[in-house]
């Protein structure tokens, strides 16, 4: 009798699959809907990389779609552990190949260091290519990553937050616990040390 007044027990909603589970499932089954769920959170990351290299919004949007089509095959071939990093590299390499195809690359590579919001504009870092056509190769990009890795951790952290994540001095201070004076010092010294490291490698 009292059961009539009891609320029916609804089954608990299943937890959404994790990124790792979606990756494994797509690799096994190739369901494009799973691929779309994986790609959607990183759309702006991929678009930002493409815009940095290709310079126009239309070209960047086209590249985002081309990269998605490329992922249909590539994500089933490769076992990806860090999707964010993997997509960043995939987008960068796609854009470099596109620029090579157009034969319109500049003599130097700008490594996408836009001024962060709320701070004064900063000069971009460049690495001069040493190929016959001065086009950047994967080796050049690896040189930048290696140079960054040689910096003290505090400088690496501030450079990453300032340039890649486009955070202001105040935001960096809040995220790291450094005061504003330390943030400015780490950025200044980090940029100087990075330029010195890259220049010394090119001079060899």
N, C-alpha and C. Protein backbone atom coordinates (compact mmCIF):
# COMPACT_ATOMS: atom_id res chain seq x y z
N UNK A 1 0.83 -1.21 0.00
CA UNK A 1 0.00 0.00 0.00
C UNK A 1 0.86 1.26 0.00
N UNK A 2 1.83 1.29 0.93
CA UNK A 2 2.66 2.50 1.00
C UNK A 2 3.56 2.65 -0.22
N UNK A 3 3.73 1.57 -0.95
CA UNK A 3 4.58 1.65 -2.14
C UNK A 3 4.00 2.58 -3.18
N UNK A 4 2.68 2.82 -3.11
CA UNK A 4 2.06 3.72 -4.08
C UNK A 4 2.57 5.14 -3.93
N UNK A 5 3.03 5.48 -2.70
CA UNK A 5 3.46 6.85 -2.44
C UNK A 5 4.98 7.02 -2.57
N UNK A 6 5.65 5.96 -2.86
CA UNK A 6 7.10 6.06 -3.01
C UNK A 6 7.44 6.53 -4.42
N UNK A 7 8.45 7.36 -4.47
CA UNK A 7 8.91 7.82 -5.79
C UNK A 7 9.65 6.69 -6.48
N UNK A 8 9.38 6.58 -7.76
CA UNK A 8 10.08 5.55 -8.52
C UNK A 8 11.57 5.89 -8.59
N UNK A 9 12.37 4.88 -8.49
CA UNK A 9 13.82 5.07 -8.55
C UNK A 9 14.28 5.10 -10.00
N UNK A 10 14.80 6.25 -10.42
CA UNK A 10 15.31 6.37 -11.78
C UNK A 10 16.76 5.90 -11.82
N UNK A 11 17.09 5.15 -12.84
CA UNK A 11 18.50 4.71 -12.93
C UNK A 11 19.42 5.92 -13.08
N UNK A 12 20.55 5.84 -12.41
CA UNK A 12 21.50 6.94 -12.49
C UNK A 12 22.03 7.09 -13.91
N UNK A 13 22.15 8.35 -14.32
CA UNK A 13 22.66 8.60 -15.67
C UNK A 13 24.11 8.13 -15.77
N UNK A 14 24.42 7.52 -16.87
CA UNK A 14 25.78 7.04 -17.07
C UNK A 14 26.72 8.22 -17.25
N UNK A 15 27.88 8.12 -16.66
CA UNK A 15 28.87 9.18 -16.79
C UNK A 15 29.34 9.27 -18.24
N UNK A 16 29.52 10.48 -18.75
CA UNK A 16 30.00 10.59 -20.14
C UNK A 16 31.38 9.97 -20.27
N UNK A 17 31.69 9.43 -21.43
CA UNK A 17 33.01 8.80 -21.60
C UNK A 17 34.13 9.81 -21.49
N UNK A 18 35.24 9.39 -20.95
CA UNK A 18 36.40 10.26 -20.86
C UNK A 18 37.04 10.40 -22.23
N UNK A 19 37.96 11.35 -22.33
CA UNK A 19 38.66 11.55 -23.60
C UNK A 19 39.43 10.28 -23.99
N UNK A 20 40.08 9.65 -23.01
CA UNK A 20 40.83 8.43 -23.30
C UNK A 20 39.91 7.32 -23.80
N UNK A 21 38.72 7.24 -23.21
CA UNK A 21 37.76 6.22 -23.65
C UNK A 21 37.26 6.50 -25.06
N UNK A 22 37.01 7.77 -25.35
CA UNK A 22 36.57 8.13 -26.71
C UNK A 22 37.66 7.84 -27.73
N UNK A 23 38.91 8.13 -27.38
CA UNK A 23 40.02 7.85 -28.29
C UNK A 23 40.11 6.35 -28.59
N UNK A 24 40.03 5.55 -27.53
CA UNK A 24 40.11 4.11 -27.70
C UNK A 24 38.93 3.59 -28.52
N UNK A 25 37.75 4.14 -28.24
CA UNK A 25 36.55 3.69 -28.95
C UNK A 25 36.60 4.06 -30.42
N UNK A 26 37.08 5.29 -30.70
CA UNK A 26 37.17 5.70 -32.10
C UNK A 26 38.22 4.87 -32.84
N UNK A 27 39.32 4.60 -32.17
CA UNK A 27 40.37 3.80 -32.78
C UNK A 27 39.86 2.39 -33.12
N UNK A 28 38.97 1.89 -32.27
CA UNK A 28 38.44 0.54 -32.49
C UNK A 28 37.30 0.52 -33.50
N UNK A 29 36.39 1.51 -33.41
CA UNK A 29 35.16 1.46 -34.20
C UNK A 29 35.09 2.46 -35.35
N UNK A 30 35.83 3.56 -35.25
CA UNK A 30 35.81 4.55 -36.32
C UNK A 30 34.52 5.33 -36.43
N UNK A 31 33.81 5.50 -35.31
CA UNK A 31 32.56 6.26 -35.32
C UNK A 31 32.88 7.76 -35.39
N UNK A 32 32.46 8.40 -36.48
CA UNK A 32 32.79 9.81 -36.69
C UNK A 32 32.14 10.70 -35.64
N UNK A 33 31.03 10.26 -35.05
CA UNK A 33 30.43 11.05 -33.97
C UNK A 33 31.38 11.13 -32.77
N UNK A 34 32.06 10.04 -32.49
CA UNK A 34 33.06 10.07 -31.41
C UNK A 34 34.19 11.02 -31.77
N UNK A 35 34.60 11.01 -33.02
CA UNK A 35 35.65 11.92 -33.46
C UNK A 35 35.22 13.37 -33.29
N UNK A 36 33.97 13.65 -33.63
CA UNK A 36 33.45 15.01 -33.47
C UNK A 36 33.46 15.45 -32.01
N UNK A 37 33.11 14.54 -31.11
CA UNK A 37 33.12 14.86 -29.67
C UNK A 37 34.54 15.10 -29.19
N UNK A 38 35.51 14.41 -29.76
CA UNK A 38 36.91 14.61 -29.38
C UNK A 38 37.44 15.95 -29.91
N UNK A 39 37.03 16.29 -31.12
CA UNK A 39 37.60 17.46 -31.80
C UNK A 39 36.99 18.77 -31.32
N UNK A 40 35.72 18.75 -30.99
CA UNK A 40 35.00 19.99 -30.66
C UNK A 40 35.66 20.82 -29.57
N UNK A 41 36.10 20.24 -28.43
CA UNK A 41 36.71 21.08 -27.39
C UNK A 41 38.01 21.76 -27.82
N UNK A 42 38.64 21.24 -28.87
CA UNK A 42 39.93 21.77 -29.31
C UNK A 42 39.82 22.59 -30.58
N UNK A 43 38.59 22.88 -31.00
CA UNK A 43 38.39 23.64 -32.23
C UNK A 43 39.13 24.97 -32.19
N UNK A 44 38.99 25.70 -31.07
CA UNK A 44 39.62 27.02 -31.00
C UNK A 44 41.13 26.92 -30.93
N UNK A 45 41.65 25.87 -30.30
CA UNK A 45 43.10 25.68 -30.28
C UNK A 45 43.62 25.48 -31.70
N UNK A 46 42.99 24.58 -32.45
CA UNK A 46 43.43 24.30 -33.82
C UNK A 46 43.26 25.55 -34.70
N UNK A 47 42.13 26.22 -34.53
CA UNK A 47 41.90 27.45 -35.31
C UNK A 47 42.97 28.50 -35.02
N UNK A 48 43.33 28.65 -33.75
CA UNK A 48 44.34 29.63 -33.38
C UNK A 48 45.69 29.33 -34.00
N UNK A 49 46.08 28.05 -34.00
CA UNK A 49 47.35 27.66 -34.64
C UNK A 49 47.30 27.97 -36.13
N UNK A 50 46.21 27.61 -36.78
CA UNK A 50 46.08 27.82 -38.22
C UNK A 50 46.08 29.31 -38.57
N UNK A 51 45.40 30.11 -37.77
CA UNK A 51 45.37 31.55 -38.03
C UNK A 51 46.75 32.16 -37.87
N UNK A 52 47.51 31.66 -36.89
CA UNK A 52 48.86 32.17 -36.65
C UNK A 52 49.76 31.97 -37.87
N UNK A 53 49.62 30.85 -38.54
CA UNK A 53 50.48 30.54 -39.68
C UNK A 53 49.90 31.02 -41.01
N UNK A 54 48.59 30.85 -41.20
CA UNK A 54 47.99 31.13 -42.50
C UNK A 54 47.48 32.56 -42.64
N UNK A 55 47.32 33.25 -41.50
CA UNK A 55 47.10 34.71 -41.45
C UNK A 55 45.69 35.19 -41.76
N UNK A 56 44.87 34.43 -42.48
CA UNK A 56 43.52 34.92 -42.77
C UNK A 56 42.49 33.98 -42.13
N UNK A 57 41.35 34.54 -41.76
CA UNK A 57 40.31 33.75 -41.10
C UNK A 57 39.77 32.67 -42.02
N UNK A 58 39.56 33.00 -43.30
CA UNK A 58 39.02 32.01 -44.23
C UNK A 58 39.97 30.83 -44.40
N UNK A 59 41.26 31.13 -44.55
CA UNK A 59 42.24 30.05 -44.70
C UNK A 59 42.31 29.20 -43.44
N UNK A 60 42.23 29.86 -42.28
CA UNK A 60 42.30 29.13 -41.01
C UNK A 60 41.07 28.23 -40.86
N UNK A 61 39.89 28.72 -41.22
CA UNK A 61 38.68 27.92 -41.12
C UNK A 61 38.74 26.71 -42.06
N UNK A 62 39.22 26.95 -43.28
CA UNK A 62 39.37 25.84 -44.22
C UNK A 62 40.34 24.80 -43.67
N UNK A 63 41.42 25.26 -43.07
CA UNK A 63 42.42 24.35 -42.52
C UNK A 63 41.84 23.52 -41.38
N UNK A 64 41.01 24.14 -40.55
CA UNK A 64 40.39 23.41 -39.43
C UNK A 64 39.57 22.23 -39.96
N UNK A 65 38.84 22.45 -41.04
CA UNK A 65 38.02 21.38 -41.61
C UNK A 65 38.90 20.33 -42.29
N UNK A 66 39.95 20.77 -42.98
CA UNK A 66 40.86 19.82 -43.62
C UNK A 66 41.55 18.93 -42.58
N UNK A 67 41.92 19.53 -41.47
CA UNK A 67 42.57 18.77 -40.40
C UNK A 67 41.60 17.76 -39.81
N UNK A 68 40.33 18.14 -39.66
CA UNK A 68 39.34 17.19 -39.16
C UNK A 68 39.24 15.98 -40.08
N UNK A 69 39.22 16.23 -41.38
CA UNK A 69 39.15 15.13 -42.34
C UNK A 69 40.41 14.26 -42.26
N UNK A 70 41.53 14.89 -42.01
CA UNK A 70 42.77 14.15 -41.85
C UNK A 70 42.73 13.25 -40.61
N UNK A 71 42.08 13.73 -39.56
CA UNK A 71 41.99 12.97 -38.31
C UNK A 71 41.17 11.70 -38.47
N UNK A 72 40.24 11.71 -39.42
CA UNK A 72 39.40 10.53 -39.64
C UNK A 72 40.28 9.29 -39.83
N UNK A 73 41.39 9.47 -40.52
CA UNK A 73 42.32 8.36 -40.76
C UNK A 73 43.41 8.31 -39.69
N UNK A 74 44.00 9.47 -39.39
CA UNK A 74 45.19 9.49 -38.54
C UNK A 74 44.93 9.00 -37.11
N UNK A 75 43.78 9.35 -36.55
CA UNK A 75 43.51 8.96 -35.17
C UNK A 75 43.22 7.46 -35.02
N UNK A 76 43.00 6.80 -36.13
CA UNK A 76 42.85 5.34 -36.07
C UNK A 76 44.20 4.65 -36.24
N UNK A 77 45.17 5.38 -36.75
CA UNK A 77 46.50 4.80 -36.97
C UNK A 77 47.42 4.99 -35.78
N UNK A 78 47.21 6.07 -35.03
CA UNK A 78 48.14 6.43 -33.96
C UNK A 78 47.47 6.30 -32.60
N UNK A 79 48.21 5.82 -31.65
CA UNK A 79 47.73 5.75 -30.27
C UNK A 79 48.14 7.03 -29.57
N UNK A 80 47.20 7.94 -29.41
CA UNK A 80 47.46 9.28 -28.90
C UNK A 80 47.25 9.31 -27.39
N UNK A 81 48.24 9.82 -26.66
CA UNK A 81 48.14 9.93 -25.21
C UNK A 81 47.69 11.32 -24.77
N UNK A 82 48.20 12.35 -25.44
CA UNK A 82 47.87 13.74 -25.10
C UNK A 82 47.27 14.40 -26.33
N UNK A 83 45.95 14.43 -26.40
CA UNK A 83 45.28 14.90 -27.61
C UNK A 83 45.55 16.37 -27.88
N UNK A 84 45.57 17.19 -26.84
CA UNK A 84 45.82 18.62 -27.02
C UNK A 84 47.16 18.87 -27.69
N UNK A 85 48.21 18.26 -27.15
CA UNK A 85 49.55 18.43 -27.72
C UNK A 85 49.63 17.84 -29.12
N UNK A 86 49.00 16.70 -29.32
CA UNK A 86 49.05 16.04 -30.62
C UNK A 86 48.34 16.88 -31.69
N UNK A 87 47.20 17.46 -31.33
CA UNK A 87 46.47 18.30 -32.28
C UNK A 87 47.25 19.57 -32.60
N UNK A 88 47.92 20.14 -31.57
CA UNK A 88 48.72 21.33 -31.80
C UNK A 88 49.82 21.03 -32.83
N UNK A 89 50.50 19.91 -32.67
CA UNK A 89 51.56 19.53 -33.61
C UNK A 89 50.99 19.22 -34.99
N UNK A 90 49.87 18.53 -35.02
CA UNK A 90 49.24 18.19 -36.31
C UNK A 90 48.84 19.44 -37.07
N UNK A 91 48.22 20.40 -36.36
CA UNK A 91 47.81 21.65 -37.00
C UNK A 91 49.01 22.44 -37.50
N UNK A 92 50.05 22.51 -36.68
CA UNK A 92 51.25 23.23 -37.08
C UNK A 92 51.88 22.61 -38.33
N UNK A 93 52.01 21.29 -38.33
CA UNK A 93 52.62 20.62 -39.47
C UNK A 93 51.78 20.77 -40.73
N UNK A 94 50.47 20.72 -40.56
CA UNK A 94 49.58 20.91 -41.72
C UNK A 94 49.81 22.30 -42.33
N UNK A 95 49.89 23.30 -41.47
CA UNK A 95 50.06 24.68 -41.97
C UNK A 95 51.42 24.87 -42.63
N UNK A 96 52.45 24.27 -42.07
CA UNK A 96 53.77 24.38 -42.67
C UNK A 96 53.80 23.74 -44.06
N UNK A 97 53.15 22.61 -44.19
CA UNK A 97 53.07 21.96 -45.50
C UNK A 97 52.27 22.79 -46.49
N UNK A 98 51.20 23.43 -45.98
CA UNK A 98 50.40 24.29 -46.84
C UNK A 98 51.21 25.49 -47.32
N UNK A 99 51.99 26.08 -46.41
CA UNK A 99 52.82 27.22 -46.80
C UNK A 99 53.90 26.79 -47.79
N UNK A 100 54.46 25.62 -47.59
CA UNK A 100 55.44 25.11 -48.54
C UNK A 100 54.80 24.92 -49.91
N UNK A 101 53.58 24.40 -49.90
CA UNK A 101 52.89 24.19 -51.17
C UNK A 101 52.67 25.50 -51.91
N UNK A 102 52.37 26.53 -51.16
CA UNK A 102 52.12 27.84 -51.79
C UNK A 102 53.41 28.53 -52.24
N UNK A 103 54.52 28.08 -51.71
CA UNK A 103 55.82 28.70 -52.02
C UNK A 103 55.83 30.18 -51.67
N UNK A 104 55.20 30.52 -50.56
CA UNK A 104 55.14 31.93 -50.19
C UNK A 104 55.57 32.15 -48.75
N UNK A 105 56.40 31.24 -48.23
CA UNK A 105 56.83 31.39 -46.84
C UNK A 105 57.82 32.53 -46.72
N UNK A 106 57.83 33.26 -45.58
CA UNK A 106 58.81 34.32 -45.34
C UNK A 106 60.18 33.74 -45.03
N UNK A 107 61.17 34.58 -44.93
CA UNK A 107 62.54 34.14 -44.66
C UNK A 107 62.76 33.76 -43.22
N UNK A 108 61.83 34.13 -42.36
CA UNK A 108 61.96 33.78 -40.95
C UNK A 108 60.67 33.17 -40.47
N UNK A 109 60.75 32.45 -39.41
CA UNK A 109 59.58 31.81 -38.84
C UNK A 109 59.15 32.58 -37.60
N UNK A 110 57.91 33.03 -37.57
CA UNK A 110 57.38 33.63 -36.36
C UNK A 110 56.68 32.55 -35.57
N UNK A 111 57.11 32.31 -34.38
CA UNK A 111 56.60 31.18 -33.62
C UNK A 111 55.36 31.55 -32.82
N UNK A 112 54.50 32.36 -33.43
CA UNK A 112 53.20 32.59 -32.82
C UNK A 112 53.27 33.12 -31.41
N UNK A 113 53.89 34.29 -31.24
CA UNK A 113 53.98 34.86 -29.91
C UNK A 113 53.22 36.18 -29.88
N UNK A 114 51.90 36.16 -29.96
CA UNK A 114 51.13 37.40 -29.97
C UNK A 114 51.15 38.07 -28.62
N UNK A 115 50.98 39.39 -28.61
CA UNK A 115 50.92 40.10 -27.35
C UNK A 115 49.74 39.64 -26.52
N UNK A 116 49.95 39.47 -25.25
CA UNK A 116 48.86 39.04 -24.39
C UNK A 116 47.95 40.21 -24.07
N UNK A 117 46.67 39.94 -23.74
CA UNK A 117 45.74 41.04 -23.44
C UNK A 117 46.17 41.79 -22.19
N UNK A 118 46.04 43.11 -22.24
CA UNK A 118 46.30 43.91 -21.06
C UNK A 118 47.76 44.23 -20.83
N UNK A 119 48.62 43.91 -21.80
CA UNK A 119 50.04 44.20 -21.63
C UNK A 119 50.57 44.85 -22.89
N UNK A 120 51.73 45.48 -22.76
CA UNK A 120 52.30 46.13 -23.92
C UNK A 120 52.73 45.11 -24.96
N UNK A 121 52.76 45.54 -26.21
CA UNK A 121 53.12 44.64 -27.30
C UNK A 121 54.56 44.18 -27.15
N UNK A 122 54.81 42.91 -27.49
CA UNK A 122 56.14 42.34 -27.38
C UNK A 122 56.65 41.97 -28.76
N UNK A 123 57.96 42.09 -28.95
CA UNK A 123 58.55 41.69 -30.22
C UNK A 123 58.51 40.17 -30.35
N UNK A 124 58.14 39.68 -31.53
CA UNK A 124 58.09 38.24 -31.75
C UNK A 124 59.49 37.68 -31.89
N UNK A 125 59.65 36.42 -31.53
CA UNK A 125 60.91 35.74 -31.69
C UNK A 125 60.96 35.09 -33.06
N UNK A 126 62.14 35.10 -33.68
CA UNK A 126 62.29 34.52 -35.00
C UNK A 126 63.47 33.57 -35.01
N UNK A 127 63.37 32.60 -35.88
CA UNK A 127 64.47 31.67 -36.12
C UNK A 127 64.69 31.62 -37.62
N UNK A 128 65.86 32.03 -38.07
CA UNK A 128 66.12 32.07 -39.50
C UNK A 128 66.35 30.67 -40.01
N UNK A 129 65.68 30.32 -41.10
CA UNK A 129 65.84 28.99 -41.67
C UNK A 129 67.17 28.86 -42.38
N UNK A 130 67.68 27.64 -42.50
CA UNK A 130 68.94 27.43 -43.19
C UNK A 130 68.76 26.52 -44.39
N UNK A 131 67.52 26.29 -44.82
CA UNK A 131 67.29 25.53 -46.04
C UNK A 131 67.57 26.40 -47.24
N UNK A 132 67.59 25.77 -48.41
CA UNK A 132 67.85 26.53 -49.63
C UNK A 132 66.82 27.62 -49.83
N UNK A 133 65.56 27.33 -49.49
CA UNK A 133 64.51 28.33 -49.68
C UNK A 133 64.15 29.02 -48.37
N UNK A 134 64.99 28.84 -47.33
CA UNK A 134 64.75 29.49 -46.03
C UNK A 134 63.40 29.12 -45.44
N UNK A 135 62.87 27.97 -45.80
CA UNK A 135 61.59 27.56 -45.24
C UNK A 135 61.83 26.76 -43.97
N UNK A 136 61.03 26.98 -42.93
CA UNK A 136 61.24 26.26 -41.67
C UNK A 136 60.98 24.78 -41.82
N UNK A 137 61.81 23.99 -41.24
CA UNK A 137 61.62 22.55 -41.23
C UNK A 137 61.22 22.12 -39.82
N UNK A 138 60.86 20.86 -39.71
CA UNK A 138 60.53 20.32 -38.39
C UNK A 138 61.74 20.44 -37.47
N UNK A 139 62.95 20.35 -38.05
CA UNK A 139 64.16 20.48 -37.24
C UNK A 139 64.22 21.84 -36.57
N UNK A 140 63.85 22.90 -37.32
CA UNK A 140 63.87 24.25 -36.75
C UNK A 140 62.89 24.36 -35.58
N UNK A 141 61.72 23.77 -35.75
CA UNK A 141 60.73 23.83 -34.69
C UNK A 141 61.18 23.04 -33.47
N UNK A 142 61.86 21.94 -33.72
CA UNK A 142 62.39 21.15 -32.62
C UNK A 142 63.48 21.93 -31.88
N UNK A 143 64.24 22.76 -32.61
CA UNK A 143 65.26 23.59 -31.98
C UNK A 143 64.61 24.56 -31.00
N UNK A 144 63.46 25.12 -31.38
CA UNK A 144 62.77 26.04 -30.48
C UNK A 144 62.31 25.31 -29.22
N UNK A 145 61.72 24.13 -29.41
CA UNK A 145 61.25 23.37 -28.26
C UNK A 145 62.42 23.01 -27.34
N UNK A 146 63.56 22.65 -27.95
CA UNK A 146 64.74 22.29 -27.15
C UNK A 146 65.26 23.50 -26.40
N UNK A 147 65.25 24.66 -27.06
CA UNK A 147 65.72 25.88 -26.41
C UNK A 147 64.82 26.25 -25.24
N UNK A 148 63.52 26.09 -25.42
CA UNK A 148 62.59 26.37 -24.33
C UNK A 148 62.84 25.43 -23.14
N UNK A 149 63.12 24.17 -23.47
CA UNK A 149 63.33 23.18 -22.40
C UNK A 149 64.59 23.47 -21.59
N UNK A 150 65.53 24.21 -22.17
CA UNK A 150 66.78 24.52 -21.46
C UNK A 150 66.63 25.70 -20.51
N UNK A 151 65.52 26.42 -20.61
CA UNK A 151 65.31 27.58 -19.73
C UNK A 151 64.97 27.12 -18.33
N UNK A 152 65.24 27.96 -17.33
CA UNK A 152 64.79 27.65 -15.96
C UNK A 152 63.27 27.47 -15.94
N UNK A 153 62.76 26.62 -15.06
CA UNK A 153 61.31 26.33 -15.04
C UNK A 153 60.45 27.57 -14.90
N UNK A 154 60.89 28.55 -14.10
CA UNK A 154 60.08 29.75 -13.91
C UNK A 154 59.93 30.53 -15.22
N UNK A 155 61.01 30.60 -15.99
CA UNK A 155 60.95 31.30 -17.27
C UNK A 155 60.09 30.55 -18.27
N UNK A 156 60.23 29.23 -18.30
CA UNK A 156 59.40 28.42 -19.18
C UNK A 156 57.92 28.64 -18.88
N UNK A 157 57.60 28.60 -17.59
CA UNK A 157 56.20 28.72 -17.17
C UNK A 157 55.62 30.08 -17.58
N UNK A 158 56.36 31.14 -17.33
CA UNK A 158 55.86 32.48 -17.65
C UNK A 158 55.73 32.69 -19.15
N UNK A 159 56.71 32.21 -19.92
CA UNK A 159 56.63 32.34 -21.37
C UNK A 159 55.44 31.58 -21.94
N UNK A 160 55.21 30.38 -21.41
CA UNK A 160 54.08 29.58 -21.88
C UNK A 160 52.75 30.29 -21.59
N UNK A 161 52.59 30.79 -20.37
CA UNK A 161 51.35 31.47 -20.01
C UNK A 161 51.15 32.76 -20.79
N UNK A 162 52.24 33.49 -21.00
CA UNK A 162 52.14 34.80 -21.66
C UNK A 162 51.85 34.66 -23.15
N UNK A 163 52.60 33.79 -23.84
CA UNK A 163 52.50 33.70 -25.28
C UNK A 163 51.48 32.66 -25.75
N UNK A 164 51.60 31.45 -25.26
CA UNK A 164 50.71 30.40 -25.77
C UNK A 164 49.31 30.53 -25.21
N UNK A 165 49.20 30.90 -23.95
CA UNK A 165 47.87 31.02 -23.34
C UNK A 165 47.39 32.46 -23.28
N UNK A 166 48.24 33.40 -23.71
CA UNK A 166 47.88 34.81 -23.83
C UNK A 166 47.31 35.40 -22.54
N UNK A 167 47.97 35.11 -21.44
CA UNK A 167 47.56 35.66 -20.16
C UNK A 167 48.31 36.95 -19.85
N UNK A 168 47.67 37.82 -19.11
CA UNK A 168 48.29 39.09 -18.72
C UNK A 168 49.26 38.86 -17.56
N UNK A 169 50.03 39.89 -17.23
CA UNK A 169 50.94 39.80 -16.09
C UNK A 169 50.18 39.43 -14.81
N UNK A 170 49.04 40.09 -14.62
CA UNK A 170 48.26 39.84 -13.41
C UNK A 170 47.76 38.40 -13.35
N UNK A 171 47.32 37.88 -14.48
CA UNK A 171 46.83 36.50 -14.53
C UNK A 171 47.97 35.50 -14.28
N UNK A 172 49.14 35.80 -14.83
CA UNK A 172 50.30 34.92 -14.60
C UNK A 172 50.67 34.92 -13.13
N UNK A 173 50.66 36.10 -12.53
CA UNK A 173 50.98 36.20 -11.10
C UNK A 173 50.00 35.37 -10.26
N UNK A 174 48.73 35.45 -10.62
CA UNK A 174 47.72 34.70 -9.87
C UNK A 174 47.89 33.20 -10.06
N UNK A 175 48.28 32.79 -11.27
CA UNK A 175 48.39 31.36 -11.57
C UNK A 175 49.65 30.74 -10.98
N UNK A 176 50.71 31.54 -10.85
CA UNK A 176 52.00 30.99 -10.43
C UNK A 176 52.38 31.31 -8.99
N UNK A 177 51.79 32.37 -8.44
CA UNK A 177 52.19 32.82 -7.11
C UNK A 177 53.35 33.79 -7.13
N UNK A 178 53.88 34.09 -8.32
CA UNK A 178 54.94 35.10 -8.43
C UNK A 178 54.32 36.49 -8.30
N UNK A 179 55.11 37.46 -7.80
CA UNK A 179 54.61 38.83 -7.82
C UNK A 179 54.86 39.43 -9.21
N UNK A 180 54.28 40.60 -9.47
CA UNK A 180 54.36 41.19 -10.81
C UNK A 180 55.80 41.46 -11.23
N UNK A 181 56.62 41.88 -10.28
CA UNK A 181 58.02 42.17 -10.60
C UNK A 181 58.73 40.89 -11.05
N UNK A 182 58.46 39.78 -10.38
CA UNK A 182 59.07 38.51 -10.77
C UNK A 182 58.58 38.06 -12.14
N UNK A 183 57.29 38.21 -12.40
CA UNK A 183 56.73 37.82 -13.69
C UNK A 183 57.43 38.56 -14.82
N UNK A 184 57.55 39.89 -14.68
CA UNK A 184 58.20 40.69 -15.71
C UNK A 184 59.66 40.29 -15.89
N UNK A 185 60.33 39.99 -14.79
CA UNK A 185 61.73 39.59 -14.85
C UNK A 185 61.88 38.24 -15.55
N UNK A 186 61.03 37.28 -15.20
CA UNK A 186 61.12 35.96 -15.82
C UNK A 186 60.83 36.04 -17.32
N UNK A 187 59.87 36.87 -17.70
CA UNK A 187 59.55 37.02 -19.13
C UNK A 187 60.72 37.67 -19.88
N UNK A 188 61.25 38.75 -19.31
CA UNK A 188 62.35 39.46 -19.95
C UNK A 188 63.58 38.56 -20.09
N UNK A 189 63.96 37.92 -19.01
CA UNK A 189 65.14 37.06 -19.04
C UNK A 189 64.90 35.82 -19.91
N UNK A 190 63.68 35.29 -19.86
CA UNK A 190 63.37 34.12 -20.67
C UNK A 190 63.46 34.41 -22.15
N UNK A 191 62.92 35.55 -22.59
CA UNK A 191 63.00 35.91 -24.00
C UNK A 191 64.45 36.13 -24.43
N UNK A 192 65.21 36.79 -23.58
CA UNK A 192 66.62 37.04 -23.91
C UNK A 192 67.39 35.72 -24.02
N UNK A 193 67.20 34.84 -23.05
CA UNK A 193 67.91 33.57 -23.08
C UNK A 193 67.49 32.70 -24.25
N UNK A 194 66.21 32.77 -24.60
CA UNK A 194 65.73 31.98 -25.72
C UNK A 194 66.34 32.47 -27.03
N UNK A 195 66.41 33.77 -27.20
CA UNK A 195 67.02 34.35 -28.42
C UNK A 195 68.49 33.97 -28.51
N UNK A 196 69.18 34.06 -27.38
CA UNK A 196 70.62 33.71 -27.36
C UNK A 196 70.80 32.26 -27.74
N UNK A 197 69.98 31.39 -27.18
CA UNK A 197 70.09 29.95 -27.45
C UNK A 197 69.82 29.65 -28.92
N UNK A 198 68.79 30.26 -29.49
CA UNK A 198 68.47 30.02 -30.88
C UNK A 198 69.54 30.59 -31.80
N UNK A 199 70.04 31.78 -31.49
CA UNK A 199 71.08 32.41 -32.32
C UNK A 199 72.35 31.59 -32.31
N UNK A 200 72.72 31.05 -31.15
CA UNK A 200 73.94 30.26 -31.07
C UNK A 200 73.83 28.97 -31.87
N UNK A 201 72.60 28.41 -31.93
CA UNK A 201 72.40 27.19 -32.70
C UNK A 201 72.50 27.48 -34.19
N UNK A 202 71.90 28.60 -34.63
CA UNK A 202 71.93 28.97 -36.04
C UNK A 202 73.35 29.27 -36.49
N UNK A 203 74.16 29.86 -35.58
CA UNK A 203 75.52 30.27 -35.93
C UNK A 203 76.46 29.08 -36.11
N UNK A 204 76.08 27.91 -35.62
CA UNK A 204 76.95 26.73 -35.72
C UNK A 204 77.09 26.25 -37.14
